[in-house]
Protein backbone atom coordinates (compact mmCIF):
# COMPACT_ATOMS: atom_id res chain seq x y z
CA MET A 1 140.90 146.53 101.64
CA ALA A 2 139.14 149.36 99.84
CA LYS A 3 141.63 149.28 97.00
CA LYS A 4 141.07 145.52 96.50
CA PHE A 5 137.33 146.08 96.03
CA GLY A 6 137.72 149.29 94.06
CA ILE A 7 135.78 151.41 96.57
CA SER A 8 136.63 154.32 98.83
CA THR A 9 138.00 153.89 102.34
CA LYS A 10 135.01 155.87 103.61
CA SER A 11 132.65 153.29 102.09
CA VAL A 12 134.52 150.49 103.87
CA SER A 13 134.47 152.38 107.17
CA ASP A 14 130.77 153.18 106.84
CA ALA A 15 129.93 149.55 106.08
CA LEU A 16 131.92 148.26 109.06
CA PHE A 17 130.44 150.90 111.37
CA SER A 18 126.94 149.98 110.20
CA ILE A 19 127.35 146.39 111.44
CA GLY A 20 128.62 147.50 114.87
CA MET A 21 132.39 147.80 114.53
CA ARG A 22 134.36 150.81 115.75
CA SER A 23 137.74 152.28 114.88
CA GLU A 24 140.75 152.52 117.23
CA GLN A 25 144.21 153.88 116.63
CA ASN A 26 147.24 151.85 117.59
CA THR A 27 150.97 152.41 117.28
CA VAL A 28 153.05 149.57 115.91
CA THR A 29 156.82 149.29 115.74
CA ILE A 30 158.34 148.08 112.49
CA LEU A 31 161.87 147.42 111.34
CA LYS A 32 162.71 149.53 108.30
CA ASP A 33 166.18 149.92 106.83
CA GLY A 34 167.66 148.33 109.95
CA LYS A 35 165.98 150.84 112.28
CA LEU A 36 162.90 150.57 114.46
CA LYS A 37 160.18 152.98 113.42
CA SER A 38 156.79 153.69 114.97
CA LYS A 39 153.73 153.92 112.80
CA LYS A 40 150.12 154.73 113.65
CA THR A 41 147.51 152.36 112.31
CA ARG A 42 143.74 152.22 112.41
CA MET A 43 142.06 149.02 113.53
CA TYR A 44 138.42 148.06 113.21
CA VAL A 45 137.29 146.45 116.46
CA VAL A 46 134.24 145.25 118.39
CA SER A 47 133.62 147.25 121.57
CA ASN A 48 131.88 144.63 123.72
CA GLY A 49 130.35 141.19 123.93
CA ALA A 50 126.79 142.39 123.35
CA VAL A 51 127.77 144.03 120.05
CA TRP A 52 129.66 140.88 118.98
CA ARG A 53 126.72 138.59 119.77
CA GLU A 54 124.29 140.86 117.90
CA MET A 55 126.57 140.97 114.83
CA VAL A 56 127.03 137.20 114.75
CA LYS A 57 123.36 136.43 115.44
CA ARG A 58 122.32 138.63 112.53
CA TYR A 59 124.50 136.74 110.07
CA LEU A 60 124.00 133.25 111.51
CA ALA A 61 120.24 133.66 111.22
CA GLN A 62 120.55 134.57 107.53
CA ASP A 63 123.27 132.24 106.35
CA SER A 64 123.38 129.25 108.66
CA GLU A 65 122.43 125.70 107.93
CA PRO A 66 119.60 124.25 110.05
CA LYS A 67 122.03 122.52 112.43
CA GLU A 68 123.71 125.85 113.29
CA LYS A 69 121.60 127.90 115.63
CA PRO A 70 122.09 131.58 116.45
CA ASP A 71 122.31 130.71 120.16
CA ASN A 72 125.58 128.81 119.55
CA ILE A 73 127.75 131.91 119.09
CA PRO A 74 131.54 131.63 118.99
CA GLU A 75 133.63 133.89 121.21
CA CYS A 76 134.92 137.12 119.70
CA PRO A 77 138.47 136.61 118.40
CA ASP A 78 141.10 138.54 120.38
CA VAL A 79 142.27 140.31 117.23
CA LEU A 80 138.83 141.94 116.88
CA LYS A 81 138.45 142.98 120.53
CA ALA A 82 138.76 146.66 121.40
CA LYS A 83 141.38 147.74 123.94
CA ARG A 84 138.58 148.23 126.48
CA TYR A 85 136.47 145.22 125.39
CA HIS A 86 134.08 143.90 128.02
CA GLU A 87 131.47 141.18 128.07
């Protein structure tokens, strides 16, 4: 993502951390040259429901049309939930 925008990975991480996201490591298995290999990856996640609601409220209040109200917050997508996510 940083490369696409022409900025450093630290800048991306700092920006995501500033809005409430956290970083987790995960190991994924990939098929490479006919063999299964493990690779560590870093994921940016939301730690809990309160953080998610605060993040979404902040941006809905700024950018929403009048019919969209900050109290109508969508659920956090599973792909963004931390391993130990809780409401």
